[in-house]
Amino acid sequence: MEEKKQYKKLQINITPEQYDMLLAEAEKNGINLPNYVKIRLFGDDDFMEYYEKMKKNVDRFSSGARFTLKSLIEPEWKLRKGLKLSLGKAFRKDVITGNIAGVAELGRDTSNIIWYQKQ
């Protein structure tokens, strides 16, 4: 069984101007602020590559189609668990906040997989 990774929270103080600058850059790149900061700090290019692919692949689906995250990046779904979780959290948050237009969250199935629907 895979050992669960422990995470630490980091809290920093920045000026409102710095916050606005980071937020604008994150929004311009189509990702949420925490993931943008992590990418800038640690250079996680995999996240951006797959996240862009996921957002682009939403357009493959016709209106009314139901899909999961896995269907957005197949056949490359064999990613490290942490990356899949980060992609899933970012995508869900962006759907909920309207940053990914035309997609609605339907809920989880019995396997705890979140389903979405193209509007």
C-alpha atoms as a PDB file:
ATOM      1  CA  MET A   1       0.000   0.000   0.000  1.00  0.00           C
ATOM      2  CA  GLU A   2       1.281   3.450  -0.925  1.00  0.00           C
ATOM      3  CA  GLU A   3       2.262   5.591   2.052  1.00  0.00           C
ATOM      4  CA  LYS A   4       0.225   8.775   2.356  1.00  0.00           C
ATOM      5  CA  LYS A   5       2.343  11.867   1.817  1.00  0.00           C
ATOM      6  CA  GLN A   6       2.250  14.490   4.548  1.00  0.00           C
ATOM      7  CA  TYR A   7       1.964  18.104   3.456  1.00  0.00           C
ATOM      8  CA  LYS A   8       2.883  21.298   5.250  1.00  0.00           C
ATOM      9  CA  LYS A   9       1.079  24.593   4.881  1.00  0.00           C
ATOM     10  CA  LEU A  10       3.001  27.726   4.053  1.00  0.00           C
ATOM     11  CA  GLN A  11       1.602  31.118   4.851  1.00  0.00           C
ATOM     12  CA  ILE A  12       3.344  34.312   3.755  1.00  0.00           C
ATOM     13  CA  ASN A  13       2.546  38.005   3.934  1.00  0.00           C
ATOM     14  CA  ILE A  14       2.612  39.953   0.704  1.00  0.00           C
ATOM     15  CA  THR A  15       1.347  43.372  -0.259  1.00  0.00           C
ATOM     16  CA  PRO A  16      -2.037  43.775  -1.934  1.00  0.00           C
ATOM     17  CA  GLU A  17      -0.195  44.798  -5.098  1.00  0.00           C
ATOM     18  CA  GLN A  18       1.892  41.614  -5.061  1.00  0.00           C
ATOM     19  CA  TYR A  19      -1.227  39.527  -4.472  1.00  0.00           C
ATOM     20  CA  ASP A  20      -3.062  41.216  -7.348  1.00  0.00           C
ATOM     21  CA  MET A  21      -0.066  40.658  -9.633  1.00  0.00           C
ATOM     22  CA  LEU A  22       0.123  36.938  -8.778  1.00  0.00           C
ATOM     23  CA  LEU A  23      -3.626  36.510  -9.118  1.00  0.00           C
ATOM     24  CA  ALA A  24      -3.642  38.221 -12.519  1.00  0.00           C
ATOM     25  CA  GLU A  25      -0.826  35.958 -13.754  1.00  0.00           C
ATOM     26  CA  ALA A  26      -2.586  32.849 -12.447  1.00  0.00           C
ATOM     27  CA  GLU A  27      -5.845  33.847 -14.125  1.00  0.00           C
ATOM     28  CA  LYS A  28      -4.024  34.657 -17.364  1.00  0.00           C
ATOM     29  CA  ASN A  29      -2.597  31.116 -17.300  1.00  0.00           C
ATOM     30  CA  GLY A  30      -5.998  29.654 -16.451  1.00  0.00           C
ATOM     31  CA  ILE A  31      -5.044  28.085 -13.118  1.00  0.00           C
ATOM     32  CA  ASN A  32      -5.754  28.804  -9.493  1.00  0.00           C
ATOM     33  CA  LEU A  33      -3.378  30.874  -7.376  1.00  0.00           C
ATOM     34  CA  PRO A  34      -1.928  28.126  -5.137  1.00  0.00           C
ATOM     35  CA  ASN A  35      -0.994  25.971  -8.124  1.00  0.00           C
ATOM     36  CA  TYR A  36       0.456  28.964  -9.947  1.00  0.00           C
ATOM     37  CA  VAL A  37       2.702  29.794  -6.975  1.00  0.00           C
ATOM     38  CA  LYS A  38       3.851  26.152  -6.695  1.00  0.00           C
ATOM     39  CA  ILE A  39       4.679  26.058 -10.382  1.00  0.00           C
ATOM     40  CA  ARG A  40       6.643  29.296 -10.144  1.00  0.00           C
ATOM     41  CA  LEU A  41       8.550  28.061  -7.088  1.00  0.00           C
ATOM     42  CA  PHE A  42       9.220  24.481  -8.122  1.00  0.00           C
ATOM     43  CA  GLY A  43       8.879  24.560 -11.900  1.00  0.00           C
ATOM     44  CA  ASP A  44       6.276  21.795 -12.160  1.00  0.00           C
ATOM     45  CA  ASP A  45       5.912  21.955 -15.927  1.00  0.00           C
ATOM     46  CA  ASP A  46       4.001  18.654 -15.948  1.00  0.00           C
ATOM     47  CA  PHE A  47       1.089  20.289 -14.181  1.00  0.00           C
ATOM     48  CA  MET A  48       0.778  23.082 -16.747  1.00  0.00           C
ATOM     49  CA  GLU A  49       1.205  20.729 -19.687  1.00  0.00           C
ATOM     50  CA  TYR A  50      -1.542  18.372 -18.544  1.00  0.00           C
ATOM     51  CA  TYR A  51      -3.836  21.125 -17.269  1.00  0.00           C
ATOM     52  CA  GLU A  52      -3.724  22.904 -20.624  1.00  0.00           C
ATOM     53  CA  LYS A  53      -4.413  19.603 -22.372  1.00  0.00           C
ATOM     54  CA  MET A  54      -7.386  18.939 -20.085  1.00  0.00           C
ATOM     55  CA  LYS A  55      -8.914  22.363 -20.712  1.00  0.00           C
ATOM     56  CA  LYS A  56      -8.428  22.005 -24.467  1.00  0.00           C
ATOM     57  CA  ASN A  57      -9.902  18.498 -24.527  1.00  0.00           C
ATOM     58  CA  VAL A  58     -13.155  19.686 -22.957  1.00  0.00           C
ATOM     59  CA  ASP A  59     -13.964  21.074 -26.407  1.00  0.00           C
ATOM     60  CA  ARG A  60     -13.922  17.524 -27.841  1.00  0.00           C
ATOM     61  CA  PHE A  61     -17.201  16.783 -26.108  1.00  0.00           C
ATOM     62  CA  SER A  62     -20.561  17.746 -27.525  1.00  0.00           C
ATOM     63  CA  SER A  63     -23.190  19.515 -25.465  1.00  0.00           C
ATOM     64  CA  GLY A  64     -24.711  17.189 -22.891  1.00  0.00           C
ATOM     65  CA  ALA A  65     -21.773  14.770 -22.876  1.00  0.00           C
ATOM     66  CA  ARG A  66     -20.688  13.418 -19.487  1.00  0.00           C
ATOM     67  CA  PHE A  67     -17.006  12.923 -18.725  1.00  0.00           C
ATOM     68  CA  THR A  68     -14.385  12.399 -16.027  1.00  0.00           C
ATOM     69  CA  LEU A  69     -10.921  13.885 -15.705  1.00  0.00           C
ATOM     70  CA  LYS A  70      -9.419  10.618 -16.852  1.00  0.00           C
ATOM     71  CA  SER A  71     -11.185  10.949 -20.180  1.00  0.00           C
ATOM     72  CA  LEU A  72      -9.616  14.383 -20.658  1.00  0.00           C
ATOM     73  CA  ILE A  73      -6.017  13.115 -20.630  1.00  0.00           C
ATOM     74  CA  GLU A  74      -6.178   9.487 -21.734  1.00  0.00           C
ATOM     75  CA  PRO A  75      -4.102   7.513 -22.616  1.00  0.00           C
ATOM     76  CA  GLU A  76      -1.599   9.296 -20.358  1.00  0.00           C
ATOM     77  CA  TRP A  77      -3.612   8.819 -17.152  1.00  0.00           C
ATOM     78  CA  LYS A  78      -0.752   6.873 -15.545  1.00  0.00           C
ATOM     79  CA  LEU A  79       0.546   9.999 -13.838  1.00  0.00           C
ATOM     80  CA  ARG A  80       1.905  10.209 -10.319  1.00  0.00           C
ATOM     81  CA  LYS A  81      -0.867  10.335  -7.747  1.00  0.00           C
ATOM     82  CA  GLY A  82       0.011  13.806  -6.443  1.00  0.00           C
ATOM     83  CA  LEU A  83      -0.150  15.270  -9.948  1.00  0.00           C
ATOM     84  CA  LYS A  84      -3.531  13.656 -10.624  1.00  0.00           C
ATOM     85  CA  LEU A  85      -4.884  15.026  -7.351  1.00  0.00           C
ATOM     86  CA  SER A  86      -3.573  18.530  -8.094  1.00  0.00           C
ATOM     87  CA  LEU A  87      -5.063  18.450 -11.586  1.00  0.00           C
ATOM     88  CA  GLY A  88      -8.390  17.255 -10.218  1.00  0.00           C
ATOM     89  CA  LYS A  89      -8.549  19.911  -7.514  1.00  0.00           C
ATOM     90  CA  ALA A  90      -7.620  22.699  -9.911  1.00  0.00           C
ATOM     91  CA  PHE A  91     -10.098  21.560 -12.561  1.00  0.00           C
ATOM     92  CA  ARG A  92     -12.961  21.200 -10.073  1.00  0.00           C
ATOM     93  CA  LYS A  93     -12.278  24.598  -8.538  1.00  0.00           C
ATOM     94  CA  ASP A  94     -12.144  26.230 -11.960  1.00  0.00           C
ATOM     95  CA  VAL A  95     -15.424  24.581 -12.971  1.00  0.00           C
ATOM     96  CA  ILE A  96     -17.124  25.721  -9.755  1.00  0.00           C
ATOM     97  CA  THR A  97     -15.834  29.299 -10.064  1.00  0.00           C
ATOM     98  CA  GLY A  98     -16.711  29.522 -13.756  1.00  0.00           C
ATOM     99  CA  ASN A  99     -13.117  29.759 -14.992  1.00  0.00           C
ATOM    100  CA  ILE A 100     -13.883  26.777 -17.215  1.00  0.00           C
ATOM    101  CA  ALA A 101     -17.038  27.876 -18.969  1.00  0.00           C
ATOM    102  CA  GLY A 102     -19.661  25.489 -20.247  1.00  0.00           C
ATOM    103  CA  VAL A 103     -18.919  22.669 -17.809  1.00  0.00           C
ATOM    104  CA  ALA A 104     -20.993  21.619 -14.800  1.00  0.00           C
ATOM    105  CA  GLU A 105     -20.074  19.254 -11.988  1.00  0.00           C
ATOM    106  CA  LEU A 106     -22.568  16.386 -11.732  1.00  0.00           C
ATOM    107  CA  GLY A 107     -21.229  14.804  -8.557  1.00  0.00           C
ATOM    108  CA  ARG A 108     -19.407  11.649  -7.544  1.00  0.00           C
ATOM    109  CA  ASP A 109     -20.200   8.092  -8.497  1.00  0.00           C
ATOM    110  CA  THR A 110     -19.966   5.056  -6.224  1.00  0.00           C
ATOM    111  CA  SER A 111     -16.210   4.875  -6.922  1.00  0.00           C
ATOM    112  CA  ASN A 112     -15.840   8.483  -5.693  1.00  0.00           C
ATOM    113  CA  ILE A 113     -15.002   9.710  -9.198  1.00  0.00           C
ATOM    114  CA  ILE A 114     -16.316  13.161 -10.068  1.00  0.00           C
ATOM    115  CA  TRP A 115     -18.364  13.401 -13.245  1.00  0.00           C
ATOM    116  CA  TYR A 116     -18.794  16.555 -15.295  1.00  0.00           C
ATOM    117  CA  GLN A 117     -21.143  17.525 -18.094  1.00  0.00           C
ATOM    118  CA  LYS A 118     -20.482  19.751 -21.089  1.00  0.00           C
ATOM    119  CA  GLN A 119     -23.210  22.384 -21.315  1.00  0.00           C
END
